[in-house]
């Protein structure tokens, strides 16, 4: 499963994007960070479709039924988890492309829950402390892996280590974009309907 965390900075001029692959192993979720992108807000509409078209991302998955039906291969759409301190929806509404499909959820963090939101309603509201707790647990249990061919991998690993050691009470843009997929997968139960 591919999860894409998108976090708009507090000033609204930059966007952080993290692409995370989730795997289920030994009854726990494991996360592999495939890409980290920091870009100006204007270029976000170009970046996300390019990520969705990446041929290395899995496009198909097998579904098994427990009632002796044959396995089924279905198209797997990535999840885009979007967080913004602003109520405008320019980035989200501009992501409609005929050749890229995805599931979209807006997550509101903490105090922004009262902001009006036009168009899409917020999928979930989460406190910053809950995001921190989930991300810290995954890091401490060594269930987060960062792919080596990402630019600035070493710097991001040091940033994660220093953040987890200082017990900081807030996350910056890159860590928020990473914490969104981790929180979503650790907290929200996944249900897949098997249709004939």
Protein backbone atom coordinates (compact mmCIF):
# COMPACT_ATOMS: atom_id res chain seq x y z
CA UNK A 1 0.00 0.00 0.00
CA UNK A 2 1.29 3.44 -0.95
CA UNK A 3 0.52 6.43 1.27
CA UNK A 4 1.46 9.98 0.28
CA UNK A 5 1.59 12.58 3.04
CA UNK A 6 1.23 16.20 1.90
CA UNK A 7 1.77 19.00 4.41
CA UNK A 8 1.54 22.71 3.60
CA UNK A 9 3.77 24.86 5.78
CA UNK A 10 2.39 27.37 8.26
CA UNK A 11 3.29 30.29 5.96
CA UNK A 12 1.64 28.60 2.97
CA UNK A 13 4.56 29.06 0.57
CA UNK A 14 6.14 25.59 0.73
CA UNK A 15 4.90 22.00 0.67
CA UNK A 16 6.46 18.81 2.05
CA UNK A 17 5.57 15.48 0.45
CA UNK A 18 6.54 12.03 1.69
CA UNK A 19 5.88 8.82 -0.22
CA UNK A 20 5.59 5.81 2.10
CA UNK A 21 5.13 2.13 1.32
CA UNK A 22 3.36 0.15 4.05
CA UNK A 23 3.93 -3.58 4.48
CA UNK A 24 2.36 -5.95 6.96
CA UNK A 25 4.84 -8.32 8.60
CA UNK A 26 4.79 -10.22 11.91
CA UNK A 27 1.37 -8.74 12.74
CA UNK A 28 2.70 -5.16 12.57
CA UNK A 29 2.84 -2.40 9.99
CA UNK A 30 6.30 -1.59 8.61
CA UNK A 31 6.96 1.63 6.72
CA UNK A 32 9.48 2.34 3.98
CA UNK A 33 10.03 5.97 2.98
CA UNK A 34 10.43 5.95 -0.81
CA UNK A 35 10.70 9.67 -1.44
CA UNK A 36 10.81 13.02 0.38
CA UNK A 37 10.11 16.20 -1.54
CA UNK A 38 10.22 19.83 -0.42
CA UNK A 39 8.95 22.23 -3.05
CA UNK A 40 7.30 25.64 -3.44
CA UNK A 41 3.52 25.51 -3.26
CA UNK A 42 3.10 26.47 -6.93
CA UNK A 43 4.99 23.35 -8.08
CA UNK A 44 2.95 20.88 -6.03
CA UNK A 45 0.47 20.26 -8.83
CA UNK A 46 3.38 19.13 -11.02
CA UNK A 47 5.06 16.98 -8.36
CA UNK A 48 2.17 14.80 -7.16
CA UNK A 49 1.04 13.53 -10.60
CA UNK A 50 4.68 12.65 -11.34
CA UNK A 51 4.81 10.67 -8.09
CA UNK A 52 1.57 8.87 -8.94
CA UNK A 53 2.86 7.97 -12.42
CA UNK A 54 6.13 6.54 -11.08
CA UNK A 55 6.51 3.04 -12.59
CA UNK A 56 8.28 1.70 -9.49
CA UNK A 57 5.17 2.12 -7.33
CA UNK A 58 2.98 -0.99 -7.15
CA UNK A 59 -0.14 -0.72 -9.28
CA UNK A 60 -1.77 -4.12 -8.68
CA UNK A 61 -2.42 -6.25 -5.63
CA UNK A 62 -3.92 -9.65 -4.89
CA UNK A 63 -6.98 -10.07 -2.74
CA UNK A 64 -7.72 -13.44 -1.18
CA UNK A 65 -11.14 -14.49 0.02
CA UNK A 66 -11.72 -16.71 3.02
CA UNK A 67 -14.69 -18.44 1.44
CA UNK A 68 -12.81 -20.40 -1.25
CA UNK A 69 -13.22 -17.95 -4.06
CA UNK A 70 -10.32 -17.56 -6.46
CA UNK A 71 -7.83 -14.82 -5.73
CA UNK A 72 -8.49 -11.54 -7.41
CA UNK A 73 -6.00 -9.01 -8.78
CA UNK A 74 -7.20 -5.44 -8.44
CA UNK A 75 -5.75 -2.02 -9.09
CA UNK A 76 -4.35 -0.41 -5.96
CA UNK A 77 -4.82 3.33 -5.75
CA UNK A 78 -2.49 5.31 -3.49
CA UNK A 79 -3.86 7.29 -0.56
CA UNK A 80 -3.13 11.02 -0.43
CA UNK A 81 -3.28 12.33 3.14
CA UNK A 82 -3.49 16.10 2.95
CA UNK A 83 -2.91 18.57 5.79
CA UNK A 84 -3.09 22.34 5.54
CA UNK A 85 -3.51 25.15 8.08
CA UNK A 86 -5.54 27.02 5.44
CA UNK A 87 -9.10 26.38 4.30
CA UNK A 88 -8.52 26.82 0.57
CA UNK A 89 -8.53 23.72 -1.60
CA UNK A 90 -6.51 24.79 -4.66
CA UNK A 91 -3.98 21.98 -4.34
CA UNK A 92 -6.54 19.26 -3.74
CA UNK A 93 -8.98 20.28 -6.46
CA UNK A 94 -6.18 20.73 -8.99
CA UNK A 95 -5.10 17.11 -8.68
CA UNK A 96 -7.75 15.73 -11.00
CA UNK A 97 -5.94 13.98 -13.85
CA UNK A 98 -7.48 11.32 -16.08
CA UNK A 99 -4.44 9.03 -15.93
CA UNK A 100 -3.81 9.21 -12.17
CA UNK A 101 -6.25 7.86 -9.63
CA UNK A 102 -5.97 8.09 -5.87
CA UNK A 103 -8.00 8.17 -2.68
CA UNK A 104 -7.94 11.51 -0.88
CA UNK A 105 -8.40 12.28 2.81
CA UNK A 106 -7.94 15.62 4.57
CA UNK A 107 -6.55 15.49 8.09
CA UNK A 108 -6.87 18.50 10.40
CA UNK A 109 -4.26 18.88 13.12
CA UNK A 110 -5.16 20.29 16.52
CA UNK A 111 -6.38 23.87 16.65
CA UNK A 112 -7.23 24.06 12.94
CA UNK A 113 -10.33 21.93 13.49
CA UNK A 114 -12.56 24.99 13.63
CA UNK A 115 -11.50 26.41 10.26
CA UNK A 116 -14.16 26.40 7.56
CA UNK A 117 -13.45 24.04 4.70
CA UNK A 118 -15.13 24.56 1.34
CA UNK A 119 -15.79 21.57 -0.90
CA UNK A 120 -14.20 18.55 0.74
CA UNK A 121 -15.00 17.91 4.36
CA UNK A 122 -12.22 16.95 6.70
CA UNK A 123 -11.79 13.22 6.96
CA UNK A 124 -10.18 13.16 10.40
CA UNK A 125 -9.07 15.52 13.13
CA UNK A 126 -5.98 14.60 15.13
CA UNK A 127 -4.02 16.31 17.88
CA UNK A 128 -0.31 17.00 17.37
CA UNK A 129 0.48 14.90 20.47
CA UNK A 130 -1.21 11.89 18.87
CA UNK A 131 0.83 12.30 15.67
CA UNK A 132 4.02 12.55 17.74
CA UNK A 133 3.12 9.50 19.82
CA UNK A 134 2.44 7.27 16.80
CA UNK A 135 5.55 8.37 14.92
CA UNK A 136 7.76 7.97 18.00
CA UNK A 137 6.41 4.43 18.63
CA UNK A 138 7.15 3.34 15.05
CA UNK A 139 10.68 4.79 15.23
CA UNK A 140 11.43 3.18 18.62
CA UNK A 141 10.22 -0.23 17.39
CA UNK A 142 12.48 0.08 14.30
CA UNK A 143 9.54 -0.20 11.91
CA UNK A 144 10.56 2.81 9.80
CA UNK A 145 13.10 2.47 7.00
CA UNK A 146 14.38 5.22 4.72
CA UNK A 147 15.51 4.19 1.24
CA UNK A 148 19.15 5.09 0.58
CA UNK A 149 18.66 6.57 -2.88
CA UNK A 150 16.63 9.51 -1.54
CA UNK A 151 18.53 12.77 -1.66
CA UNK A 152 19.39 14.02 1.84
CA UNK A 153 18.74 10.60 3.41
CA UNK A 154 21.52 11.04 5.98
CA UNK A 155 20.34 14.49 6.97
CA UNK A 156 16.74 13.30 7.35
CA UNK A 157 17.84 10.31 9.49
CA UNK A 158 19.78 12.68 11.76
CA UNK A 159 16.73 14.96 11.94
CA UNK A 160 14.52 12.03 13.01
CA UNK A 161 17.07 10.83 15.59
CA UNK A 162 17.55 14.28 17.12
CA UNK A 163 13.78 14.84 17.18
CA UNK A 164 13.10 11.53 18.94
CA UNK A 165 15.89 12.14 21.49
CA UNK A 166 14.75 15.65 22.43
CA UNK A 167 11.09 14.65 22.97
CA UNK A 168 9.95 17.70 21.02
CA UNK A 169 6.33 18.75 21.35
CA UNK A 170 5.84 19.71 17.70
CA UNK A 171 6.72 18.46 14.24
CA UNK A 172 8.08 20.43 11.31
CA UNK A 173 6.78 20.10 7.74
CA UNK A 174 8.80 17.06 6.68
CA UNK A 175 8.05 15.16 9.85
CA UNK A 176 4.34 16.04 9.62
CA UNK A 177 4.20 14.72 6.05
CA UNK A 178 5.79 11.48 7.34
CA UNK A 179 3.63 11.29 10.48
CA UNK A 180 0.35 11.54 8.54
CA UNK A 181 0.68 8.15 6.77
CA UNK A 182 2.03 6.49 9.93
CA UNK A 183 -0.82 7.82 12.08
CA UNK A 184 -3.46 6.94 9.47
CA UNK A 185 -2.32 3.36 9.04
CA UNK A 186 -1.70 2.74 12.76
CA UNK A 187 -5.02 4.26 13.86
CA UNK A 188 -7.67 3.82 11.16
CA UNK A 189 -8.74 0.19 10.55
CA UNK A 190 -8.41 -1.01 6.99
CA UNK A 191 -11.38 -2.82 5.50
CA UNK A 192 -11.28 -4.32 2.04
CA UNK A 193 -14.56 -5.50 0.53
CA UNK A 194 -14.27 -8.52 -1.71
CA UNK A 195 -16.70 -8.13 -4.59
CA UNK A 196 -17.54 -10.84 -7.11
